N, C-alpha and C. Protein backbone atom coordinates (compact mmCIF):
# COMPACT_ATOMS: atom_id res chain seq x y z
N MET A 1 4.58 -1.65 -0.32
CA MET A 1 3.12 -0.40 -0.16
C MET A 1 3.14 0.32 -1.07
N GLY A 2 4.08 0.96 -1.72
CA GLY A 2 4.47 1.91 -2.82
C GLY A 2 3.61 1.10 -3.97
N SER A 3 3.98 0.01 -4.99
CA SER A 3 3.54 -0.63 -5.45
C SER A 3 1.59 -1.05 -4.56
N GLU A 4 1.32 -1.40 -3.95
CA GLU A 4 0.05 -1.71 -4.00
C GLU A 4 -0.85 0.04 -4.46
N VAL A 5 -0.21 0.92 -4.00
CA VAL A 5 -0.41 2.01 -3.83
C VAL A 5 -1.14 2.85 -5.18
N ALA A 6 -0.52 2.59 -5.66
CA ALA A 6 0.02 2.98 -7.88
C ALA A 6 -0.58 2.16 -8.13
N LYS A 7 -1.18 0.77 -7.99
CA LYS A 7 -2.37 0.07 -8.17
C LYS A 7 -3.27 0.12 -8.42
N ALA A 8 -3.77 0.12 -7.30
CA ALA A 8 -4.70 0.75 -6.63
C ALA A 8 -5.26 2.18 -7.86
N ALA A 9 -4.06 3.22 -7.51
CA ALA A 9 -4.19 4.56 -8.14
C ALA A 9 -4.75 4.06 -9.84
N LEU A 10 -3.88 3.44 -10.51
CA LEU A 10 -4.57 3.62 -11.39
C LEU A 10 -5.34 2.31 -11.65
N LEU A 11 -6.15 1.64 -10.95
CA LEU A 11 -7.41 1.77 -11.05
C LEU A 11 -8.50 2.38 -11.13
N GLY A 12 -8.15 3.78 -10.56
CA GLY A 12 -9.18 4.52 -10.05
C GLY A 12 -9.14 4.83 -9.22
N LYS A 13 -9.34 4.79 -8.17
CA LYS A 13 -9.19 4.34 -5.96
C LYS A 13 -8.02 5.72 -6.00
N GLU A 14 -9.12 6.49 -4.98
CA GLU A 14 -8.51 8.01 -4.51
C GLU A 14 -7.62 6.95 -3.50
N VAL A 15 -6.52 7.24 -3.39
CA VAL A 15 -5.49 6.63 -1.98
C VAL A 15 -4.85 7.71 -1.18
N LYS A 16 -5.29 7.76 0.03
CA LYS A 16 -4.87 8.45 0.66
C LYS A 16 -3.95 8.09 1.81
N ILE A 17 -2.59 8.51 1.62
CA ILE A 17 -1.50 7.59 3.07
C ILE A 17 -1.53 8.95 4.22
N VAL A 18 -1.84 8.06 5.05
CA VAL A 18 -1.44 9.26 6.40
C VAL A 18 -0.13 8.24 7.45
N ASN A 19 0.14 9.30 8.07
CA ASN A 19 2.15 8.70 9.15
C ASN A 19 3.09 8.80 7.96
N CYS A 20 3.43 9.72 6.62
CA CYS A 20 4.00 9.21 5.85
C CYS A 20 5.60 9.32 5.77
N GLU A 21 5.64 9.80 7.24
CA GLU A 21 6.66 9.52 8.48
C GLU A 21 7.78 8.11 8.56
N LYS A 22 6.21 8.12 9.12
CA LYS A 22 7.11 6.51 10.14
C LYS A 22 6.86 4.96 8.84
N ILE A 23 6.74 5.55 7.63
CA ILE A 23 6.82 4.07 7.00
C ILE A 23 8.11 3.82 6.19
N PHE A 24 8.73 2.63 6.13
CA PHE A 24 9.93 2.19 6.08
C PHE A 24 10.46 1.74 5.18
N MET A 25 11.40 1.91 4.90
CA MET A 25 12.42 1.72 3.60
C MET A 25 13.61 0.35 4.17
N THR A 26 13.15 -1.17 3.00
CA THR A 26 14.15 -1.64 3.82
C THR A 26 16.10 -1.11 2.09
N GLY A 27 16.36 -2.18 3.00
CA GLY A 27 17.85 -1.87 2.69
C GLY A 27 19.01 -1.43 3.56
N ASN A 28 20.91 -0.82 3.19
CA ASN A 28 21.19 -0.27 4.14
C ASN A 28 21.18 0.48 4.03
N ARG A 29 21.45 1.12 5.66
CA ARG A 29 20.83 3.00 6.24
C ARG A 29 22.13 3.69 4.88
N ASP A 30 23.17 3.11 5.77
CA ASP A 30 24.36 4.09 4.73
C ASP A 30 23.82 4.18 2.96
N ASN A 31 23.75 3.61 2.73
CA ASN A 31 23.34 3.51 0.81
C ASN A 31 22.04 4.07 0.74
N LEU A 32 20.76 3.97 1.38
CA LEU A 32 19.69 4.71 1.47
C LEU A 32 20.08 6.48 1.63
N PHE A 33 20.90 6.48 2.99
CA PHE A 33 21.19 8.22 3.25
C PHE A 33 21.85 8.76 1.53
N ALA A 34 23.05 7.93 1.14
CA ALA A 34 23.68 8.38 0.13
C ALA A 34 22.92 8.39 -1.17
N ASN A 35 22.26 7.24 -1.56
CA ASN A 35 21.50 7.37 -2.84
C ASN A 35 20.56 8.55 -2.95
N PHE A 36 20.00 8.65 -1.73
CA PHE A 36 18.44 10.11 -1.88
C PHE A 36 19.95 11.34 -1.94
N GLU A 37 20.82 11.62 -0.75
CA GLU A 37 21.95 12.77 -1.11
C GLU A 37 22.07 12.93 -2.35
N ARG A 38 22.13 12.01 -3.48
CA ARG A 38 22.86 11.84 -4.69
C ARG A 38 21.87 12.41 -5.76
N LYS A 39 20.50 12.15 -5.38
CA LYS A 39 18.70 12.58 -6.48
C LYS A 39 18.88 14.13 -5.78
N ARG A 40 18.77 14.07 -4.08
CA ARG A 40 18.78 16.00 -4.29
C ARG A 40 20.06 16.50 -5.47
N LYS A 41 21.02 15.93 -5.66
CA LYS A 41 22.34 17.05 -5.99
C LYS A 41 21.84 16.59 -7.39
N LEU A 42 20.81 16.06 -8.30
CA LEU A 42 21.54 15.94 -9.38
C LEU A 42 20.27 17.13 -10.43
N GLY A 43 20.93 17.00 -11.03
CA GLY A 43 21.08 18.71 -12.11
C GLY A 43 20.83 20.14 -11.29
N THR A 44 19.85 20.76 -11.51
CA THR A 44 20.54 22.36 -11.50
C THR A 44 18.82 22.73 -10.61
N TRP A 45 18.67 23.70 -10.54
CA TRP A 45 17.51 24.46 -9.46
C TRP A 45 16.41 24.45 -10.19
N ALA A 46 17.16 24.88 -11.54
CA ALA A 46 15.87 25.23 -12.23
C ALA A 46 15.44 24.33 -13.70
N LYS A 47 16.08 24.05 -13.83
CA LYS A 47 15.21 22.60 -14.41
C LYS A 47 15.11 20.66 -13.69
N GLY A 48 15.75 20.47 -12.24
CA GLY A 48 15.71 19.80 -11.91
C GLY A 48 16.50 17.96 -12.36
N PRO A 49 16.05 17.22 -12.44
CA PRO A 49 14.51 16.97 -11.10
C PRO A 49 15.25 17.30 -9.66
N PHE A 50 13.63 17.36 -8.97
CA PHE A 50 13.70 18.06 -8.85
C PHE A 50 13.24 17.23 -7.12
N TYR A 51 13.98 16.50 -5.63
CA TYR A 51 13.56 15.67 -4.91
C TYR A 51 12.91 16.52 -3.59
N PRO A 52 12.07 16.56 -3.05
CA PRO A 52 11.86 16.90 -2.02
C PRO A 52 11.92 16.51 -0.48
N ARG A 53 12.22 17.16 0.16
CA ARG A 53 12.90 17.02 1.41
C ARG A 53 12.03 16.17 2.44
N MET A 54 10.14 17.01 2.38
CA MET A 54 9.45 16.21 3.09
C MET A 54 9.04 14.42 3.06
N PRO A 55 8.71 14.27 4.23
CA PRO A 55 8.37 12.82 3.99
C PRO A 55 7.43 12.73 3.23
N ASP A 56 6.03 13.56 2.95
CA ASP A 56 4.87 13.23 2.09
C ASP A 56 5.51 13.48 1.26
N ARG A 57 5.67 14.38 1.33
CA ARG A 57 6.63 15.34 -0.88
C ARG A 57 7.05 13.59 -1.31
N LEU A 58 8.01 13.55 -0.39
CA LEU A 58 9.49 12.16 -0.78
C LEU A 58 8.29 10.77 -1.16
N VAL A 59 7.09 10.50 0.02
CA VAL A 59 6.69 9.50 -0.90
C VAL A 59 5.87 9.35 -2.11
N LYS A 60 5.12 10.32 -2.22
CA LYS A 60 5.04 10.81 -3.22
C LYS A 60 5.57 11.00 -4.55
N ARG A 61 6.74 11.53 -4.67
CA ARG A 61 7.83 11.57 -5.72
C ARG A 61 8.04 9.76 -5.90
N LEU A 62 8.82 8.88 -4.66
CA LEU A 62 8.63 7.89 -5.30
C LEU A 62 8.02 6.55 -5.26
N ILE A 63 6.26 7.46 -5.10
CA ILE A 63 4.91 6.44 -5.40
C ILE A 63 5.39 7.14 -7.06
N ARG A 64 5.76 8.02 -7.75
CA ARG A 64 5.39 8.60 -9.01
C ARG A 64 6.07 7.82 -9.85
N GLY A 65 7.38 7.90 -9.01
CA GLY A 65 8.38 6.74 -9.99
C GLY A 65 8.13 4.96 -10.45
N MET A 66 6.61 4.26 -10.17
CA MET A 66 6.38 2.86 -11.02
C MET A 66 4.94 3.65 -11.01
N LEU A 67 4.61 4.71 -11.47
CA LEU A 67 3.92 5.06 -12.31
C LEU A 67 4.15 5.74 -14.10
N PRO A 68 2.86 5.29 -14.45
CA PRO A 68 3.89 5.97 -16.06
C PRO A 68 3.38 6.95 -16.48
N ILE A 69 3.73 7.50 -15.90
CA ILE A 69 3.79 9.42 -15.52
C ILE A 69 3.64 10.00 -17.11
N LYS A 70 4.33 9.46 -18.40
CA LYS A 70 4.75 10.08 -19.42
C LYS A 70 3.14 9.86 -20.12
N THR A 71 1.93 8.78 -19.08
CA THR A 71 1.05 9.41 -20.48
C THR A 71 -0.45 9.38 -18.94
N ALA A 72 -1.13 10.53 -19.60
CA ALA A 72 -2.48 10.21 -19.68
C ALA A 72 -2.82 9.87 -18.25
N ARG A 73 -2.51 8.48 -18.61
CA ARG A 73 -3.20 7.53 -17.33
C ARG A 73 -2.86 7.85 -15.95
N GLY A 74 -1.56 7.77 -15.89
CA GLY A 74 -0.08 7.69 -15.24
C GLY A 74 -0.31 9.07 -14.44
N ARG A 75 -0.88 9.97 -15.12
CA ARG A 75 -1.21 11.98 -14.97
C ARG A 75 -2.05 11.91 -13.55
N GLU A 76 -3.01 11.14 -14.30
CA GLU A 76 -4.81 10.90 -13.72
C GLU A 76 -4.24 9.91 -12.20
N ALA A 77 -3.97 9.32 -12.04
CA ALA A 77 -3.04 7.58 -11.10
C ALA A 77 -2.42 9.03 -9.80
N LEU A 78 -1.63 9.58 -10.71
CA LEU A 78 -0.62 10.62 -9.34
C LEU A 78 -1.93 11.80 -8.66
N LYS A 79 -2.47 12.05 -9.77
CA LYS A 79 -3.39 13.55 -8.94
C LYS A 79 -4.43 11.98 -7.78
N ARG A 80 -4.44 11.02 -7.89
CA ARG A 80 -5.62 10.47 -7.45
C ARG A 80 -5.16 10.12 -6.05
N ILE A 81 -3.19 10.35 -5.54
CA ILE A 81 -2.70 9.90 -4.34
C ILE A 81 -2.33 11.19 -3.75
N MET A 82 -2.84 11.00 -2.64
CA MET A 82 -2.70 12.13 -1.04
C MET A 82 -2.02 10.94 -0.57
N CYS A 83 -0.66 12.39 -0.08
CA CYS A 83 0.12 11.63 1.56
C CYS A 83 0.11 12.73 2.35
N TYR A 84 0.24 12.37 3.19
CA TYR A 84 -0.03 13.33 4.52
C TYR A 84 0.78 13.55 5.63
N VAL A 85 1.28 14.20 6.61
CA VAL A 85 2.56 13.49 7.66
C VAL A 85 1.56 14.08 8.80
N SER A 86 1.66 12.36 9.59
CA SER A 86 0.69 12.26 10.69
C SER A 86 -0.98 11.59 10.37
N VAL A 87 -1.96 12.36 10.86
CA VAL A 87 -2.85 12.23 10.52
C VAL A 87 -4.24 13.05 11.12
N PRO A 88 -4.91 13.34 9.23
CA PRO A 88 -4.91 14.81 9.32
C PRO A 88 -6.35 15.05 10.75
N SER A 89 -6.94 16.04 10.80
CA SER A 89 -7.92 16.73 11.73
C SER A 89 -9.28 15.73 10.63
N GLU A 90 -9.10 15.60 9.79
CA GLU A 90 -10.84 15.13 8.49
C GLU A 90 -11.15 13.46 8.98
N PHE A 91 -9.35 13.18 9.19
CA PHE A 91 -8.90 11.56 9.29
C PHE A 91 -9.17 10.63 10.54
N LYS A 92 -9.18 11.57 11.39
CA LYS A 92 -9.00 11.37 13.12
C LYS A 92 -10.48 10.56 13.04
N ASN A 93 -11.46 10.28 12.53
CA ASN A 93 -13.19 9.40 13.03
C ASN A 93 -13.05 8.49 12.23
N GLU A 94 -12.77 8.79 11.61
CA GLU A 94 -12.35 7.55 10.28
C GLU A 94 -11.90 6.10 10.40
N LYS A 95 -12.65 5.42 10.36
CA LYS A 95 -11.56 3.87 10.04
C LYS A 95 -10.34 3.76 9.49
N LEU A 96 -8.92 3.62 9.68
CA LEU A 96 -8.03 3.89 8.39
C LEU A 96 -7.41 2.60 8.23
N GLU A 97 -7.37 1.71 7.27
CA GLU A 97 -6.61 0.62 6.39
C GLU A 97 -5.33 0.68 6.44
N THR A 98 -4.71 -0.70 6.97
CA THR A 98 -3.41 -0.77 6.51
C THR A 98 -3.09 -1.81 6.01
N ILE A 99 -2.12 -1.91 5.05
CA ILE A 99 -1.50 -3.15 4.11
C ILE A 99 -0.97 -4.02 5.14
N LYS A 100 -1.42 -4.80 5.38
CA LYS A 100 -0.98 -5.83 5.97
C LYS A 100 0.10 -6.96 6.02
N HIS A 101 0.47 -6.84 4.21
CA HIS A 101 1.66 -7.51 3.63
C HIS A 101 2.84 -6.61 3.38
N ALA A 102 2.92 -6.09 4.19
CA ALA A 102 3.21 -4.68 4.05
C ALA A 102 4.16 -4.19 5.02
N ASP A 103 3.94 -4.62 5.90
CA ASP A 103 4.62 -4.19 8.18
C ASP A 103 5.51 -4.64 7.85
N VAL A 104 6.46 -4.29 8.94
CA VAL A 104 8.09 -4.32 9.02
C VAL A 104 7.99 -4.94 9.65
N SER A 105 6.82 -6.02 10.80
CA SER A 105 7.10 -6.94 11.35
C SER A 105 7.40 -7.96 10.02
N ARG A 106 7.27 -8.07 9.36
CA ARG A 106 6.81 -9.36 8.01
C ARG A 106 8.53 -9.42 7.90
N LEU A 107 9.28 -8.55 7.68
CA LEU A 107 10.88 -8.88 7.24
C LEU A 107 11.23 -9.42 7.99
N SER A 108 12.26 -10.22 7.05
CA SER A 108 13.02 -11.16 7.49
C SER A 108 14.82 -10.43 8.24
N THR A 109 14.97 -9.63 7.34
CA THR A 109 15.94 -8.46 7.27
C THR A 109 15.82 -7.72 8.84
N ASN A 110 16.54 -7.49 9.24
CA ASN A 110 17.08 -5.64 10.34
C ASN A 110 17.28 -4.84 9.63
N LYS A 111 17.98 -4.50 8.03
CA LYS A 111 18.13 -3.46 7.91
C LYS A 111 16.80 -2.64 6.67
N TYR A 112 16.67 -1.48 7.08
CA TYR A 112 15.26 -1.20 7.11
C TYR A 112 15.81 0.62 7.73
N THR A 113 15.14 1.69 6.91
CA THR A 113 14.96 3.07 7.79
C THR A 113 14.01 3.87 7.65
N SER A 114 13.52 4.89 8.52
CA SER A 114 12.32 5.04 8.36
C SER A 114 12.14 5.95 7.86
N ILE A 115 10.98 6.41 6.57
CA ILE A 115 10.92 7.74 5.87
C ILE A 115 11.93 9.26 6.91
N GLU A 116 11.07 9.42 7.82
CA GLU A 116 10.86 10.50 9.09
C GLU A 116 13.09 10.80 8.44
N GLU A 117 13.45 9.37 9.19
CA GLU A 117 14.83 9.68 9.11
C GLU A 117 15.61 10.05 7.46
N ILE A 118 15.55 9.33 6.90
CA ILE A 118 15.67 9.42 5.19
C ILE A 118 16.04 11.36 5.36
N SER A 119 14.26 11.48 5.26
CA SER A 119 13.88 13.41 4.96
C SER A 119 14.63 14.05 6.59
N ARG A 120 14.99 13.92 7.41
CA ARG A 120 15.58 14.78 8.32
C ARG A 120 17.15 14.54 7.36
N HIS A 121 18.12 13.54 6.80
CA HIS A 121 19.38 13.40 6.84
C HIS A 121 19.76 14.28 5.53
N ILE A 122 18.55 14.70 4.19
CA ILE A 122 18.93 15.10 3.83
C ILE A 122 18.26 16.75 3.58
N GLY A 123 17.94 16.89 5.18
CA GLY A 123 17.98 18.30 5.04
C GLY A 123 16.51 18.68 5.84
N ALA A 124 15.22 17.65 6.05
CA ALA A 124 14.24 18.38 6.09
C ALA A 124 14.22 18.86 7.94
N LYS A 125 13.14 19.34 8.07
CA LYS A 125 13.61 20.52 9.04
C LYS A 125 11.44 19.62 10.20
N ILE A 126 11.66 19.12 10.66
CA ILE A 126 10.16 18.29 11.12
C ILE A 126 9.89 18.23 12.18
């Protein structure tokens, strides 16, 4: 899902992601938790790198890693991406689009964890 969003943003499309807490990441649960704990503890409080705890900010940070952020094109693409926890009231009446080939039911493994679980593990109060 992240690579599709990054490509769309680079092509100039506005992308809004809702229900960020329900996104799944593949991989061993313990390894994912350890990886995000390590990223949270990197650097200093003043200089960073900064890894957020909240699911919407975490998803945006993960997508940022797929963009050429050091170029003007990448920074502009990141500005076109908006992430939300649950569905905001402004999108309640709109038709939401899902990415079919990024569905969790298509996975051949049962090793996956939701962003909500990762966020709670690293200290988010959702």
